[in-house]
Amino acid sequence: MNSKIIDQFRYYLSFLKYYKIIYKRLYSYFTKYNLLSSEQFGFKERRSTCSATYALLNLILSSLDKNKFIGGLFCDFSQSFNCVNHGVLLDRLDYYGISGTANKLIQSYLTGRYQRVELKRNTIPVRSPHGH
């Protein structure tokens, strides 16, 4: 490996370390103040797609037991973060008490990010979805 690749890898590892710290602090804060919905299954400890499936099946079965009509609408929101307006997100975080330095740190992550694609030595700059 050349030194440029090693430097990029080191940067990535340091970013992951900070990401984990920020994630734990935010998760702890939102849990402490009960700001996460009980209906949220993603990004929560001891919650998974299995938990969501169990909750859905339980709701369906209990509704069937009560002779209720059941319908479902399923949407894939896996890429929805790429569409979030970062100004609105930062304002919402500020509203929930994530302000000052913490808010500015998240803002610095969300703005001015670029990525590139290399095709046989030709570099094409691409605006990252996290950079708006």
Protein backbone atom coordinates (compact mmCIF):
# COMPACT_ATOMS: atom_id res chain seq x y z
CA MET A 1 0.00 0.00 0.00
CA ASN A 2 1.21 3.48 -0.72
CA SER A 3 1.29 6.19 1.94
CA LYS A 4 -1.68 8.09 0.46
CA ILE A 5 -3.95 5.07 0.91
CA ILE A 6 -2.65 4.50 4.44
CA ASP A 7 -3.33 8.16 5.33
CA GLN A 8 -6.87 7.91 3.95
CA PHE A 9 -7.42 4.72 5.94
CA ARG A 10 -6.14 6.39 9.14
CA TYR A 11 -8.53 9.31 8.57
CA TYR A 12 -11.42 6.88 8.08
CA LEU A 13 -10.56 5.01 11.30
CA SER A 14 -10.33 8.24 13.30
CA PHE A 15 -13.68 9.32 11.84
CA LEU A 16 -15.24 6.00 12.91
CA LYS A 17 -13.93 6.50 16.44
CA TYR A 18 -15.53 9.95 16.65
CA TYR A 19 -18.71 8.71 14.99
CA LYS A 20 -19.11 6.04 17.67
CA ILE A 21 -18.55 8.56 20.46
CA ILE A 22 -21.05 11.02 18.97
CA TYR A 23 -23.59 8.26 18.35
CA LYS A 24 -23.34 6.99 21.94
CA ARG A 25 -23.67 10.49 23.39
CA LEU A 26 -26.68 11.36 21.22
CA TYR A 27 -28.34 8.01 21.87
CA SER A 28 -27.80 8.39 25.61
CA TYR A 29 -29.22 11.93 25.56
CA PHE A 30 -32.29 11.00 23.50
CA THR A 31 -32.91 7.95 25.70
CA LYS A 32 -32.48 9.88 28.96
CA TYR A 33 -35.07 12.46 27.94
CA ASN A 34 -37.37 9.88 26.30
CA LEU A 35 -37.19 11.58 22.89
CA LEU A 36 -37.27 8.39 20.79
CA SER A 37 -40.61 6.86 19.88
CA SER A 38 -41.40 3.43 21.27
CA GLU A 39 -42.44 2.59 17.70
CA GLN A 40 -38.91 3.17 16.40
CA PHE A 41 -36.90 0.01 15.84
CA GLY A 42 -33.87 1.19 13.86
CA PHE A 43 -30.76 2.44 15.64
CA LYS A 44 -32.06 1.46 19.10
CA GLU A 45 -30.46 -0.96 21.52
CA ARG A 46 -32.19 -4.32 21.76
CA ARG A 47 -34.38 -3.41 18.76
CA SER A 48 -34.11 -4.88 15.29
CA THR A 49 -36.09 -5.88 12.24
CA CYS A 50 -37.04 -9.00 14.21
CA SER A 51 -38.52 -6.78 16.95
CA ALA A 52 -40.44 -4.79 14.34
CA THR A 53 -41.73 -7.97 12.71
CA TYR A 54 -42.83 -9.36 16.08
CA ALA A 55 -44.66 -6.12 16.95
CA LEU A 56 -46.40 -6.10 13.56
CA LEU A 57 -47.45 -9.75 13.79
CA ASN A 58 -48.68 -9.21 17.34
CA LEU A 59 -50.79 -6.24 16.18
CA ILE A 60 -52.19 -8.21 13.23
CA LEU A 61 -53.07 -11.25 15.35
CA SER A 62 -54.70 -9.20 18.11
CA SER A 63 -56.70 -7.28 15.47
CA LEU A 64 -57.83 -10.56 13.87
CA ASP A 65 -58.92 -11.83 17.29
CA LYS A 66 -61.14 -8.72 17.57
CA ASN A 67 -62.52 -9.16 14.02
CA LYS A 68 -60.97 -5.86 12.93
CA PHE A 69 -60.09 -4.98 9.35
CA ILE A 70 -56.34 -5.09 8.69
CA GLY A 71 -54.38 -3.27 6.01
CA GLY A 72 -50.71 -2.57 5.51
CA LEU A 73 -48.53 -0.12 3.67
CA PHE A 74 -44.81 -0.84 3.56
CA CYS A 75 -42.25 1.77 2.56
CA ASP A 76 -38.48 1.49 2.25
CA PHE A 77 -36.90 4.47 3.99
CA SER A 78 -33.35 3.06 3.90
CA GLN A 79 -32.05 5.95 1.78
CA SER A 80 -34.25 8.65 3.29
CA PHE A 81 -31.40 10.35 5.18
CA ASN A 82 -29.93 11.40 1.84
CA CYS A 83 -33.04 13.54 1.27
CA VAL A 84 -33.16 15.25 4.67
CA ASN A 85 -32.69 19.02 4.57
CA HIS A 86 -29.66 19.53 6.79
CA GLY A 87 -30.80 22.98 7.95
CA VAL A 88 -34.07 21.49 9.18
CA LEU A 89 -32.21 18.62 10.85
CA LEU A 90 -29.84 20.98 12.67
CA ASP A 91 -32.76 23.19 13.75
CA ARG A 92 -34.59 20.12 15.07
CA LEU A 93 -31.50 18.99 16.98
CA ASP A 94 -31.22 22.48 18.46
CA TYR A 95 -34.88 22.32 19.46
CA TYR A 96 -34.22 19.07 21.33
CA GLY A 97 -31.23 20.54 23.15
CA ILE A 98 -28.34 19.57 20.87
CA SER A 99 -26.92 23.07 20.47
CA GLY A 100 -23.67 25.01 20.60
CA THR A 101 -20.52 23.03 19.94
CA ALA A 102 -22.35 19.71 19.51
CA ASN A 103 -24.62 21.17 16.83
CA LYS A 104 -21.67 22.82 15.06
CA LEU A 105 -19.78 19.51 15.07
CA ILE A 106 -22.69 17.76 13.35
CA GLN A 107 -23.05 20.70 10.95
CA SER A 108 -19.37 20.42 10.00
CA TYR A 109 -19.91 16.75 9.16
CA LEU A 110 -22.97 17.47 7.03
CA THR A 111 -21.60 20.35 4.95
CA GLY A 112 -18.90 20.58 2.32
CA ARG A 113 -18.47 16.85 1.76
CA TYR A 114 -17.35 15.60 -1.63
CA GLN A 115 -16.54 12.23 -3.04
CA ARG A 116 -14.95 11.15 -6.26
CA VAL A 117 -15.12 8.24 -8.65
CA GLU A 118 -12.02 6.98 -10.39
CA LEU A 119 -12.31 5.13 -13.67
CA LYS A 120 -8.98 3.99 -15.07
CA ARG A 121 -7.02 7.04 -13.88
CA ASN A 122 -9.78 9.54 -14.75
CA THR A 123 -11.17 11.25 -11.69
CA ILE A 124 -14.75 12.50 -11.74
CA PRO A 125 -15.76 14.78 -8.83
CA VAL A 126 -19.24 13.99 -7.53
CA ARG A 127 -21.23 16.04 -5.03
CA SER A 128 -21.96 13.85 -2.03
CA PRO A 129 -25.60 13.61 -0.93
CA HIS A 130 -24.37 14.53 2.57
CA GLY A 131 -22.92 17.80 1.28
CA HIS A 132 -26.00 19.94 0.74
